[in-house]
Amino acid sequence: MFHARVKKTRIIFLFIILLFSSLTQGQTQVPVDIQNKEKEPHSPHKASIYSFILPGLGQAYNKKYWKIPIVYAGFGFLTYMIISNNKEYKLYKAAYDFTPVDENDIPPNIYYEQYSSTQLKEGKDYYRRNLELSYILTGFWYLINVIDASVDAHLFDFKVSQDLTLKVEPQFYHQPINNKTIPGIRVQIGIPGVFGFK
């Protein structure tokens, strides 16, 4: 009876050890699989699409977070310009287009009394041009935001070597027209052992 219990205890103990070892083996294999998994390349296409959908999102994808406030500061300034020019354009236009029918007609704003008809037309044209320019610049700023995200994504994995070397040496140049030799200086910047740079 005692031997049967010892035998059962040994079998249970062996079973627990086997179970534990199989669990630990499974756990150690997971990180190896993760390490062997190929790293997903940084996509310029994704960065461009993100910035196209929401300005600044491509910069966040590229981990260039410091650029996001610059993007939105540009949009804020251009929005202010659009609102300001649009307001002035409407005031000048309303004053320029106002034609009183009788003495009781009230002018739309103070510009009608402050400026002559020529000045009102010049002001209207000036602010209309500024308004159109503000819209164009906003479109350009939007495109610059997308281009910047794409360029940053292209250069994301680009490694700059710390072994850059500056080489300055005297050089003599031959001028075939005068048949003279002119002294000069040759400057080279490069990485030793790359593209024949020594």
N, C-alpha and C. Protein backbone atom coordinates (compact mmCIF):
# COMPACT_ATOMS: atom_id res chain seq x y z
N MET A 1 0.85 -1.21 0.00
CA MET A 1 0.00 0.00 0.00
C MET A 1 0.88 1.26 0.00
N PHE A 2 1.92 1.24 0.86
CA PHE A 2 2.83 2.38 0.96
C PHE A 2 3.57 2.60 -0.37
N HIS A 3 4.02 1.50 -0.98
CA HIS A 3 4.74 1.56 -2.26
C HIS A 3 3.84 2.12 -3.37
N ALA A 4 2.56 1.77 -3.34
CA ALA A 4 1.62 2.25 -4.36
C ALA A 4 1.44 3.76 -4.24
N ARG A 5 1.39 4.25 -2.99
CA ARG A 5 1.26 5.70 -2.78
C ARG A 5 2.51 6.44 -3.26
N VAL A 6 3.68 5.88 -2.92
CA VAL A 6 4.95 6.49 -3.36
C VAL A 6 5.00 6.53 -4.88
N LYS A 7 4.56 5.44 -5.52
CA LYS A 7 4.56 5.37 -6.98
C LYS A 7 3.64 6.44 -7.57
N LYS A 8 2.44 6.57 -6.99
CA LYS A 8 1.48 7.58 -7.47
C LYS A 8 2.04 8.99 -7.27
N THR A 9 2.69 9.21 -6.10
CA THR A 9 3.28 10.52 -5.80
C THR A 9 4.38 10.85 -6.80
N ARG A 10 5.21 9.86 -7.14
CA ARG A 10 6.28 10.06 -8.12
C ARG A 10 5.71 10.40 -9.49
N ILE A 11 4.66 9.70 -9.87
CA ILE A 11 4.03 9.94 -11.19
C ILE A 11 3.45 11.35 -11.24
N ILE A 12 2.76 11.75 -10.18
CA ILE A 12 2.17 13.11 -10.11
C ILE A 12 3.28 14.15 -10.13
N PHE A 13 4.35 13.91 -9.36
CA PHE A 13 5.49 14.83 -9.30
C PHE A 13 6.15 14.97 -10.68
N LEU A 14 6.33 13.81 -11.35
CA LEU A 14 6.90 13.81 -12.72
C LEU A 14 6.00 14.58 -13.68
N PHE A 15 4.70 14.35 -13.55
CA PHE A 15 3.73 15.03 -14.42
C PHE A 15 3.80 16.55 -14.23
N ILE A 16 3.90 17.00 -12.95
CA ILE A 16 3.99 18.44 -12.64
C ILE A 16 5.27 19.03 -13.22
N ILE A 17 6.39 18.31 -13.09
CA ILE A 17 7.67 18.80 -13.63
C ILE A 17 7.60 18.93 -15.15
N LEU A 18 7.05 17.90 -15.81
CA LEU A 18 6.90 17.95 -17.28
C LEU A 18 5.99 19.10 -17.71
N LEU A 19 4.90 19.27 -17.00
CA LEU A 19 3.96 20.35 -17.32
C LEU A 19 4.63 21.71 -17.15
N PHE A 20 5.35 21.89 -16.02
CA PHE A 20 6.04 23.15 -15.74
C PHE A 20 7.12 23.44 -16.79
N SER A 21 7.91 22.39 -17.17
CA SER A 21 8.97 22.59 -18.15
C SER A 21 8.40 22.94 -19.53
N SER A 22 7.24 22.32 -19.89
CA SER A 22 6.63 22.65 -21.19
C SER A 22 6.08 24.07 -21.19
N LEU A 23 5.55 24.53 -20.05
CA LEU A 23 5.07 25.91 -19.96
C LEU A 23 6.21 26.91 -20.06
N THR A 24 7.31 26.64 -19.38
CA THR A 24 8.45 27.56 -19.42
C THR A 24 9.09 27.58 -20.80
N GLN A 25 9.12 26.45 -21.48
CA GLN A 25 9.66 26.42 -22.85
C GLN A 25 8.80 27.26 -23.78
N GLY A 26 7.48 27.16 -23.61
CA GLY A 26 6.57 27.96 -24.43
C GLY A 26 6.75 29.45 -24.19
N GLN A 27 7.03 29.81 -22.92
CA GLN A 27 7.23 31.22 -22.59
C GLN A 27 8.53 31.76 -23.17
N THR A 28 9.58 30.95 -23.19
CA THR A 28 10.86 31.44 -23.71
C THR A 28 10.84 31.54 -25.22
N GLN A 29 9.97 30.79 -25.88
CA GLN A 29 9.92 30.84 -27.34
C GLN A 29 9.23 32.10 -27.84
N VAL A 30 8.34 32.70 -27.06
CA VAL A 30 7.59 33.88 -27.51
C VAL A 30 8.51 35.06 -27.79
N PRO A 31 9.42 35.43 -26.85
CA PRO A 31 10.30 36.55 -27.14
C PRO A 31 11.23 36.29 -28.33
N VAL A 32 11.66 35.01 -28.52
CA VAL A 32 12.51 34.69 -29.66
C VAL A 32 11.77 34.95 -30.96
N ASP A 33 10.49 34.54 -31.00
CA ASP A 33 9.68 34.78 -32.20
C ASP A 33 9.51 36.27 -32.45
N ILE A 34 9.33 37.05 -31.37
CA ILE A 34 9.17 38.50 -31.52
C ILE A 34 10.46 39.13 -32.03
N GLN A 35 11.61 38.64 -31.50
CA GLN A 35 12.89 39.19 -31.93
C GLN A 35 13.16 38.86 -33.39
N ASN A 36 12.78 37.63 -33.81
CA ASN A 36 13.03 37.20 -35.19
C ASN A 36 12.09 37.87 -36.19
N LYS A 37 11.00 38.39 -35.67
CA LYS A 37 10.03 39.03 -36.55
C LYS A 37 10.66 40.27 -37.18
N GLU A 38 10.53 40.39 -38.47
CA GLU A 38 11.17 41.50 -39.19
C GLU A 38 10.49 42.81 -38.84
N LYS A 39 11.30 43.83 -38.60
CA LYS A 39 10.78 45.14 -38.22
C LYS A 39 10.10 45.78 -39.44
N GLU A 40 8.90 46.29 -39.21
CA GLU A 40 8.15 46.93 -40.30
C GLU A 40 8.84 48.23 -40.71
N PRO A 41 9.14 48.40 -42.01
CA PRO A 41 9.85 49.62 -42.43
C PRO A 41 8.98 50.86 -42.28
N HIS A 42 9.64 51.98 -42.07
CA HIS A 42 8.94 53.26 -41.92
C HIS A 42 8.42 53.68 -43.30
N SER A 43 7.13 53.93 -43.40
CA SER A 43 6.51 54.17 -44.71
C SER A 43 6.30 55.65 -45.00
N PRO A 44 6.98 56.19 -46.05
CA PRO A 44 6.72 57.57 -46.47
C PRO A 44 5.28 57.76 -46.98
N HIS A 45 4.73 56.70 -47.57
CA HIS A 45 3.35 56.76 -48.08
C HIS A 45 2.37 56.98 -46.93
N LYS A 46 2.57 56.24 -45.83
CA LYS A 46 1.71 56.41 -44.65
C LYS A 46 1.84 57.82 -44.08
N ALA A 47 3.07 58.30 -43.98
CA ALA A 47 3.31 59.65 -43.43
C ALA A 47 2.59 60.70 -44.26
N SER A 48 2.67 60.56 -45.60
CA SER A 48 2.00 61.52 -46.50
C SER A 48 0.48 61.47 -46.33
N ILE A 49 -0.07 60.25 -46.28
CA ILE A 49 -1.53 60.09 -46.13
C ILE A 49 -2.00 60.67 -44.80
N TYR A 50 -1.25 60.38 -43.72
CA TYR A 50 -1.61 60.90 -42.40
C TYR A 50 -1.64 62.42 -42.39
N SER A 51 -0.60 63.05 -42.99
CA SER A 51 -0.55 64.51 -43.03
C SER A 51 -1.61 65.09 -43.95
N PHE A 52 -1.98 64.33 -44.97
CA PHE A 52 -3.03 64.77 -45.89
C PHE A 52 -4.38 64.76 -45.19
N ILE A 53 -4.62 63.72 -44.38
CA ILE A 53 -5.89 63.61 -43.65
C ILE A 53 -5.98 64.65 -42.54
N LEU A 54 -4.91 64.73 -41.73
CA LEU A 54 -4.87 65.70 -40.62
C LEU A 54 -3.47 66.29 -40.52
N PRO A 55 -3.32 67.58 -40.84
CA PRO A 55 -1.99 68.20 -40.76
C PRO A 55 -1.34 67.97 -39.39
N GLY A 56 -0.07 67.58 -39.42
CA GLY A 56 0.67 67.32 -38.18
C GLY A 56 0.69 65.85 -37.80
N LEU A 57 -0.25 65.06 -38.33
CA LEU A 57 -0.31 63.63 -37.99
C LEU A 57 0.88 62.88 -38.59
N GLY A 58 1.29 63.27 -39.78
CA GLY A 58 2.47 62.65 -40.41
C GLY A 58 3.74 62.95 -39.62
N GLN A 59 3.83 64.18 -39.08
CA GLN A 59 4.98 64.55 -38.26
C GLN A 59 5.00 63.72 -36.98
N ALA A 60 3.82 63.46 -36.43
CA ALA A 60 3.73 62.61 -35.22
C ALA A 60 4.15 61.18 -35.56
N TYR A 61 3.75 60.69 -36.73
CA TYR A 61 4.15 59.34 -37.19
C TYR A 61 5.67 59.25 -37.33
N ASN A 62 6.29 60.34 -37.78
CA ASN A 62 7.76 60.38 -37.94
C ASN A 62 8.49 60.68 -36.63
N LYS A 63 7.72 60.85 -35.55
CA LYS A 63 8.28 61.20 -34.22
C LYS A 63 8.98 62.56 -34.22
N LYS A 64 8.53 63.46 -35.07
CA LYS A 64 9.03 64.84 -35.08
C LYS A 64 7.96 65.73 -34.45
N TYR A 65 7.73 65.51 -33.15
CA TYR A 65 6.64 66.18 -32.45
C TYR A 65 6.83 67.69 -32.38
N TRP A 66 8.07 68.16 -32.39
CA TRP A 66 8.35 69.59 -32.28
C TRP A 66 7.86 70.36 -33.51
N LYS A 67 7.59 69.67 -34.61
CA LYS A 67 7.11 70.34 -35.82
C LYS A 67 5.60 70.61 -35.80
N ILE A 68 4.88 69.87 -34.97
CA ILE A 68 3.41 70.00 -34.95
C ILE A 68 2.97 71.41 -34.56
N PRO A 69 3.53 72.04 -33.50
CA PRO A 69 3.14 73.42 -33.19
C PRO A 69 3.45 74.40 -34.32
N ILE A 70 4.55 74.15 -35.07
CA ILE A 70 4.90 75.04 -36.20
C ILE A 70 3.84 74.93 -37.29
N VAL A 71 3.41 73.69 -37.58
CA VAL A 71 2.37 73.46 -38.60
C VAL A 71 1.10 74.22 -38.23
N TYR A 72 0.68 74.09 -36.96
CA TYR A 72 -0.58 74.72 -36.55
C TYR A 72 -0.44 76.23 -36.34
N ALA A 73 0.76 76.69 -36.01
CA ALA A 73 0.98 78.15 -35.92
C ALA A 73 0.83 78.77 -37.31
N GLY A 74 1.36 78.09 -38.33
CA GLY A 74 1.20 78.57 -39.71
C GLY A 74 -0.25 78.62 -40.13
N PHE A 75 -1.00 77.56 -39.82
CA PHE A 75 -2.43 77.54 -40.15
C PHE A 75 -3.19 78.60 -39.37
N GLY A 76 -2.80 78.82 -38.10
CA GLY A 76 -3.45 79.85 -37.29
C GLY A 76 -3.24 81.24 -37.85
N PHE A 77 -2.00 81.53 -38.25
CA PHE A 77 -1.68 82.84 -38.82
C PHE A 77 -2.43 83.05 -40.14
N LEU A 78 -2.45 82.04 -41.00
CA LEU A 78 -3.13 82.16 -42.30
C LEU A 78 -4.65 82.28 -42.13
N THR A 79 -5.20 81.59 -41.13
CA THR A 79 -6.64 81.71 -40.84
C THR A 79 -6.96 83.13 -40.39
N TYR A 80 -6.10 83.69 -39.53
CA TYR A 80 -6.27 85.08 -39.09
C TYR A 80 -6.24 86.02 -40.28
N MET A 81 -5.31 85.82 -41.22
CA MET A 81 -5.20 86.66 -42.41
C MET A 81 -6.46 86.57 -43.28
N ILE A 82 -6.99 85.35 -43.42
CA ILE A 82 -8.21 85.16 -44.22
C ILE A 82 -9.38 85.90 -43.59
N ILE A 83 -9.55 85.75 -42.28
CA ILE A 83 -10.68 86.40 -41.58
C ILE A 83 -10.54 87.92 -41.65
N SER A 84 -9.34 88.41 -41.39
CA SER A 84 -9.09 89.86 -41.38
C SER A 84 -9.31 90.48 -42.75
N ASN A 85 -8.73 89.87 -43.80
CA ASN A 85 -8.88 90.39 -45.16
C ASN A 85 -10.32 90.29 -45.65
N ASN A 86 -10.99 89.20 -45.28
CA ASN A 86 -12.39 89.03 -45.68
C ASN A 86 -13.28 90.10 -45.05
N LYS A 87 -13.03 90.40 -43.78
CA LYS A 87 -13.81 91.43 -43.07
C LYS A 87 -13.64 92.81 -43.73
N GLU A 88 -12.36 93.17 -43.98
CA GLU A 88 -12.08 94.48 -44.61
C GLU A 88 -12.64 94.55 -46.04
N TYR A 89 -12.51 93.45 -46.77
CA TYR A 89 -13.04 93.41 -48.15
C TYR A 89 -14.54 93.66 -48.17
N LYS A 90 -15.25 93.01 -47.25
CA LYS A 90 -16.72 93.18 -47.19
C LYS A 90 -17.10 94.62 -46.82
N LEU A 91 -16.34 95.23 -45.90
CA LEU A 91 -16.63 96.62 -45.51
C LEU A 91 -16.42 97.58 -46.68
N TYR A 92 -15.29 97.45 -47.37
CA TYR A 92 -14.99 98.31 -48.52
C TYR A 92 -15.99 98.08 -49.66
N LYS A 93 -16.33 96.82 -49.89
CA LYS A 93 -17.26 96.48 -50.98
C LYS A 93 -18.65 97.05 -50.69
N ALA A 94 -19.12 96.88 -49.43
CA ALA A 94 -20.45 97.39 -49.07
C ALA A 94 -20.50 98.91 -49.22
N ALA A 95 -19.43 99.61 -48.80
CA ALA A 95 -19.38 101.07 -48.92
C ALA A 95 -19.29 101.50 -50.39
N TYR A 96 -18.53 100.77 -51.17
CA TYR A 96 -18.35 101.11 -52.60
C TYR A 96 -19.64 100.86 -53.39
N ASP A 97 -20.36 99.78 -53.07
CA ASP A 97 -21.58 99.42 -53.80
C ASP A 97 -22.81 100.21 -53.34
N PHE A 98 -22.69 100.92 -52.22
CA PHE A 98 -23.84 101.65 -51.68
C PHE A 98 -24.17 102.86 -52.56
N THR A 99 -25.41 102.89 -52.99
CA THR A 99 -25.91 104.02 -53.77
C THR A 99 -27.17 104.54 -53.09
N PRO A 100 -27.10 105.73 -52.44
CA PRO A 100 -28.30 106.25 -51.75
C PRO A 100 -29.38 106.68 -52.73
N VAL A 101 -30.59 106.26 -52.43
CA VAL A 101 -31.72 106.64 -53.29
C VAL A 101 -32.29 107.97 -52.83
N ASP A 102 -32.42 108.16 -51.53
CA ASP A 102 -32.87 109.47 -51.00
C ASP A 102 -32.04 109.82 -49.77
N GLU A 103 -32.39 110.92 -49.14
CA GLU A 103 -31.62 111.44 -48.00
C GLU A 103 -31.72 110.56 -46.75
N ASN A 104 -32.76 109.75 -46.67
CA ASN A 104 -32.99 108.92 -45.48
C ASN A 104 -32.18 107.61 -45.49
N ASP A 105 -31.55 107.29 -46.61
CA ASP A 105 -30.76 106.05 -46.69
C ASP A 105 -29.52 106.15 -45.80
N ILE A 106 -29.32 105.13 -44.98
CA ILE A 106 -28.17 105.12 -44.06
C ILE A 106 -27.03 104.32 -44.69
N PRO A 107 -25.82 104.87 -44.70
CA PRO A 107 -24.66 104.14 -45.25
C PRO A 107 -24.40 102.86 -44.47
N PRO A 108 -23.85 101.83 -45.13
CA PRO A 108 -23.64 100.54 -44.46
C PRO A 108 -22.57 100.59 -43.36
N ASN A 109 -21.58 101.50 -43.52
CA ASN A 109 -20.52 101.62 -42.51
C ASN A 109 -19.85 102.99 -42.64
N ILE A 110 -18.89 103.27 -41.75
CA ILE A 110 -18.25 104.60 -41.73
C ILE A 110 -17.29 104.81 -42.91
N TYR A 111 -16.93 103.73 -43.60
CA TYR A 111 -16.01 103.87 -44.73
C TYR A 111 -16.61 104.74 -45.84
N TYR A 112 -17.94 104.68 -45.94
CA TYR A 112 -18.63 105.44 -47.01
C TYR A 112 -18.38 106.94 -46.87
N GLU A 113 -18.32 107.40 -45.62
CA GLU A 113 -18.11 108.84 -45.37
C GLU A 113 -16.62 109.19 -45.26
N GLN A 114 -15.80 108.22 -44.90
CA GLN A 114 -14.37 108.49 -44.70
C GLN A 114 -13.58 108.55 -46.00
N TYR A 115 -13.96 107.71 -46.99
CA TYR A 115 -13.16 107.59 -48.21
C TYR A 115 -13.94 107.98 -49.45
N SER A 116 -13.19 108.37 -50.47
CA SER A 116 -13.82 108.70 -51.76
C SER A 116 -14.13 107.40 -52.50
N SER A 117 -14.85 107.54 -53.59
CA SER A 117 -15.22 106.38 -54.40
C SER A 117 -13.98 105.66 -54.93
N THR A 118 -12.97 106.43 -55.34
CA THR A 118 -11.72 105.84 -55.86
C THR A 118 -10.99 105.08 -54.76
N GLN A 119 -10.93 105.68 -53.56
CA GLN A 119 -10.27 105.02 -52.45
C GLN A 119 -11.00 103.74 -52.02
N LEU A 120 -12.33 103.79 -52.08
CA LEU A 120 -13.12 102.60 -51.74
C LEU A 120 -12.87 101.47 -52.73
N LYS A 121 -12.76 101.82 -54.01
CA LYS A 121 -12.48 100.79 -55.03
C LYS A 121 -11.09 100.20 -54.84
N GLU A 122 -10.12 101.08 -54.57
CA GLU A 122 -8.73 100.61 -54.34
C GLU A 122 -8.65 99.70 -53.11
N GLY A 123 -9.35 100.11 -52.04
CA GLY A 123 -9.38 99.29 -50.82
C GLY A 123 -10.04 97.95 -51.05
N LYS A 124 -11.15 97.97 -51.79
CA LYS A 124 -11.88 96.72 -52.10
C LYS A 124 -10.99 95.77 -52.90
N ASP A 125 -10.31 96.29 -53.93
CA ASP A 125 -9.43 95.47 -54.76
C ASP A 125 -8.22 94.95 -53.98
N TYR A 126 -7.68 95.82 -53.12
CA TYR A 126 -6.50 95.46 -52.33
C TYR A 126 -6.81 94.29 -51.40
N TYR A 127 -7.92 94.40 -50.67
CA TYR A 127 -8.26 93.34 -49.72
C TYR A 127 -8.76 92.08 -50.42
N ARG A 128 -9.34 92.22 -51.60
CA ARG A 128 -9.73 91.02 -52.37
C ARG A 128 -8.48 90.25 -52.80
N ARG A 129 -7.45 90.99 -53.28
CA ARG A 129 -6.18 90.34 -53.66
C ARG A 129 -5.52 89.66 -52.46
N ASN A 130 -5.52 90.36 -51.32
CA ASN A 130 -4.93 89.78 -50.11
C ASN A 130 -5.69 88.53 -49.65
N LEU A 131 -7.01 88.55 -49.80
CA LEU A 131 -7.84 87.40 -49.43
C LEU A 131 -7.51 86.20 -50.31
N GLU A 132 -7.42 86.45 -51.61
CA GLU A 132 -7.08 85.37 -52.55
C GLU A 132 -5.68 84.82 -52.28
N LEU A 133 -4.74 85.72 -51.99
CA LEU A 133 -3.36 85.32 -51.68
C LEU A 133 -3.32 84.48 -50.40
N SER A 134 -4.13 84.87 -49.43
CA SER A 134 -4.19 84.11 -48.16
C SER A 134 -4.68 82.69 -48.39
N TYR A 135 -5.68 82.54 -49.27
CA TYR A 135 -6.19 81.20 -49.61
C TYR A 135 -5.10 80.38 -50.31
N ILE A 136 -4.38 81.01 -51.24
CA ILE A 136 -3.31 80.32 -51.98
C ILE A 136 -2.20 79.88 -51.02
N LEU A 137 -1.79 80.79 -50.13
CA LEU A 137 -0.74 80.46 -49.16
C LEU A 137 -1.16 79.35 -48.20
N THR A 138 -2.44 79.31 -47.86
CA THR A 138 -2.95 78.23 -47.00
C THR A 138 -2.83 76.90 -47.71
N GLY A 139 -3.17 76.89 -49.02
CA GLY A 139 -3.01 75.67 -49.82
C GLY A 139 -1.55 75.23 -49.90
N PHE A 140 -0.64 76.20 -50.09
CA PHE A 140 0.79 75.89 -50.14
C PHE A 140 1.27 75.33 -48.80
N TRP A 141 0.82 75.94 -47.71
CA TRP A 141 1.23 75.49 -46.38
C TRP A 141 0.77 74.06 -46.12
N TYR A 142 -0.44 73.76 -46.61
CA TYR A 142 -0.99 72.40 -46.49
C TYR A 142 -0.11 71.40 -47.25
N LEU A 143 0.28 71.77 -48.48
CA LEU A 143 1.15 70.91 -49.29
C LEU A 143 2.53 70.75 -48.66
N ILE A 144 3.08 71.85 -48.11
CA ILE A 144 4.39 71.80 -47.46
C ILE A 144 4.34 70.83 -46.27
N ASN A 145 3.24 70.84 -45.54
CA ASN A 145 3.06 69.93 -44.41
C ASN A 145 3.13 68.47 -44.87
N VAL A 146 2.49 68.16 -46.00
CA VAL A 146 2.49 66.79 -46.54
C VAL A 146 3.88 66.42 -47.06
N ILE A 147 4.52 67.34 -47.81
CA ILE A 147 5.86 67.09 -48.36
C ILE A 147 6.87 66.89 -47.24
N ASP A 148 6.79 67.73 -46.21
CA ASP A 148 7.71 67.62 -45.07
C ASP A 148 7.60 66.25 -44.40
N ALA A 149 6.37 65.78 -44.22
CA ALA A 149 6.16 64.47 -43.59
C ALA A 149 6.74 63.36 -44.45
N SER A 150 6.56 63.47 -45.77
CA SER A 150 7.09 62.46 -46.70
C SER A 150 8.61 62.43 -46.70
N VAL A 151 9.24 63.60 -46.75
CA VAL A 151 10.71 63.69 -46.77
C VAL A 151 11.29 63.15 -45.46
N ASP A 152 10.68 63.54 -44.33
CA ASP A 152 11.15 63.04 -43.03
C ASP A 152 11.03 61.52 -42.93
N ALA A 153 9.96 60.96 -43.51
CA ALA A 153 9.78 59.51 -43.49
C ALA A 153 10.83 58.82 -44.35
N HIS A 154 11.19 59.43 -45.49
CA HIS A 154 12.25 58.86 -46.34
C HIS A 154 13.59 58.83 -45.60
N LEU A 155 13.85 59.85 -44.78
CA LEU A 155 15.13 59.96 -44.08
C LEU A 155 15.08 59.36 -42.67
N PHE A 156 13.97 58.72 -42.32
CA PHE A 156 13.77 58.23 -40.95
C PHE A 156 14.84 57.22 -40.54
N ASP A 157 15.16 56.27 -41.42
CA ASP A 157 16.14 55.23 -41.11
C ASP A 157 17.54 55.57 -41.60
N PHE A 158 17.72 56.78 -42.10
CA PHE A 158 19.03 57.20 -42.61
C PHE A 158 19.96 57.50 -41.45
N LYS A 159 21.09 56.82 -41.42
CA LYS A 159 22.06 57.01 -40.34
C LYS A 159 23.19 57.92 -40.81
N VAL A 160 23.46 58.95 -40.04
CA VAL A 160 24.57 59.85 -40.34
C VAL A 160 25.79 59.36 -39.58
N SER A 161 26.87 59.12 -40.31
CA SER A 161 28.08 58.60 -39.68
C SER A 161 28.74 59.66 -38.81
N GLN A 162 29.33 59.19 -37.69
CA GLN A 162 30.07 60.09 -36.82
C GLN A 162 31.50 60.27 -37.29
N ASP A 163 31.90 59.51 -38.32
CA ASP A 163 33.29 59.52 -38.79
C ASP A 163 33.51 60.47 -39.97
N LEU A 164 32.75 61.54 -40.05
CA LEU A 164 32.95 62.50 -41.14
C LEU A 164 34.31 63.18 -40.96
N THR A 165 35.04 63.29 -42.06
CA THR A 165 36.37 63.86 -42.02
C THR A 165 36.47 65.03 -42.99
N LEU A 166 37.13 66.09 -42.56
CA LEU A 166 37.39 67.24 -43.41
C LEU A 166 38.86 67.19 -43.81
N LYS A 167 39.08 67.25 -45.12
CA LYS A 167 40.44 67.15 -45.65
C LYS A 167 40.73 68.40 -46.48
N VAL A 168 41.74 69.17 -46.07
CA VAL A 168 42.15 70.37 -46.78
C VAL A 168 43.59 70.17 -47.23
N GLU A 169 43.84 70.37 -48.53
CA GLU A 169 45.19 70.20 -49.05
C GLU A 169 45.45 71.17 -50.21
N PRO A 170 46.70 71.53 -50.43
CA PRO A 170 47.01 72.42 -51.56
C PRO A 170 46.81 71.70 -52.89
N GLN A 171 46.41 72.45 -53.88
CA GLN A 171 46.15 71.89 -55.21
C GLN A 171 46.60 72.89 -56.26
N PHE A 172 47.19 72.39 -57.33
CA PHE A 172 47.63 73.25 -58.43
C PHE A 172 46.77 72.95 -59.65
N TYR A 173 46.21 74.01 -60.24
CA TYR A 173 45.34 73.88 -61.40
C TYR A 173 46.02 74.46 -62.63
N HIS A 174 45.93 73.75 -63.72
CA HIS A 174 46.55 74.20 -64.97
C HIS A 174 45.49 74.90 -65.82
N GLN A 175 45.82 76.12 -66.25
CA GLN A 175 44.93 76.89 -67.14
C GLN A 175 45.42 76.73 -68.57
N PRO A 176 44.68 76.02 -69.42
CA PRO A 176 45.15 75.80 -70.78
C PRO A 176 45.15 77.07 -71.65
N ILE A 177 44.30 78.06 -71.31
CA ILE A 177 44.23 79.28 -72.12
C ILE A 177 45.52 80.08 -72.00
N ASN A 178 45.97 80.33 -70.77
CA ASN A 178 47.19 81.12 -70.54
C ASN A 178 48.43 80.26 -70.39
N ASN A 179 48.20 78.92 -70.34
CA ASN A 179 49.29 77.98 -70.11
C ASN A 179 50.02 78.30 -68.80
N LYS A 180 49.20 78.54 -67.74
CA LYS A 180 49.76 78.87 -66.43
C LYS A 180 49.25 77.87 -65.39
N THR A 181 50.03 77.71 -64.37
CA THR A 181 49.62 76.88 -63.22
C THR A 181 49.22 77.80 -62.08
N ILE A 182 48.00 77.58 -61.58
CA ILE A 182 47.45 78.45 -60.52
C ILE A 182 47.36 77.65 -59.22
N PRO A 183 47.90 78.19 -58.13
CA PRO A 183 47.77 77.48 -56.84
C PRO A 183 46.35 77.64 -56.29
N GLY A 184 45.90 76.62 -55.58
CA GLY A 184 44.57 76.66 -54.97
C GLY A 184 44.49 75.73 -53.78
N ILE A 185 43.29 75.58 -53.27
CA ILE A 185 43.06 74.72 -52.11
C ILE A 185 41.95 73.73 -52.47
N ARG A 186 42.17 72.49 -52.10
CA ARG A 186 41.17 71.45 -52.32
C ARG A 186 40.57 71.06 -50.98
N VAL A 187 39.23 71.11 -50.88
CA VAL A 187 38.53 70.76 -49.64
C VAL A 187 37.65 69.55 -49.92
N GLN A 188 37.79 68.51 -49.07
CA GLN A 188 36.98 67.30 -49.20
C GLN A 188 36.33 66.97 -47.87
N ILE A 189 35.05 66.61 -47.94
CA ILE A 189 34.35 66.13 -46.75
C ILE A 189 33.83 64.74 -47.08
N GLY A 190 34.14 63.76 -46.22
CA GLY A 190 33.68 62.41 -46.51
C GLY A 190 33.93 61.47 -45.35
N ILE A 191 33.60 60.20 -45.59
CA ILE A 191 33.81 59.15 -44.60
C ILE A 191 35.01 58.33 -45.06
N PRO A 192 36.00 58.14 -44.21
CA PRO A 192 37.17 57.38 -44.60
C PRO A 192 36.80 55.98 -45.09
N GLY A 193 37.36 55.58 -46.24
CA GLY A 193 37.12 54.27 -46.80
C GLY A 193 35.88 54.17 -47.65
N VAL A 194 35.11 55.27 -47.80
CA VAL A 194 33.89 55.25 -48.60
C VAL A 194 34.11 56.13 -49.82
N PHE A 195 33.73 55.61 -51.00
CA PHE A 195 33.86 56.30 -52.29
C PHE A 195 35.30 56.77 -52.53
N GLY A 196 36.27 55.98 -52.15
CA GLY A 196 37.67 56.30 -52.40
C GLY A 196 38.25 57.38 -51.53
N PHE A 197 37.53 57.79 -50.50
CA PHE A 197 38.02 58.83 -49.61
C PHE A 197 38.97 58.20 -48.61
N LYS A 198 40.20 58.72 -48.51
CA LYS A 198 41.23 58.16 -47.64
C LYS A 198 41.36 58.96 -46.36
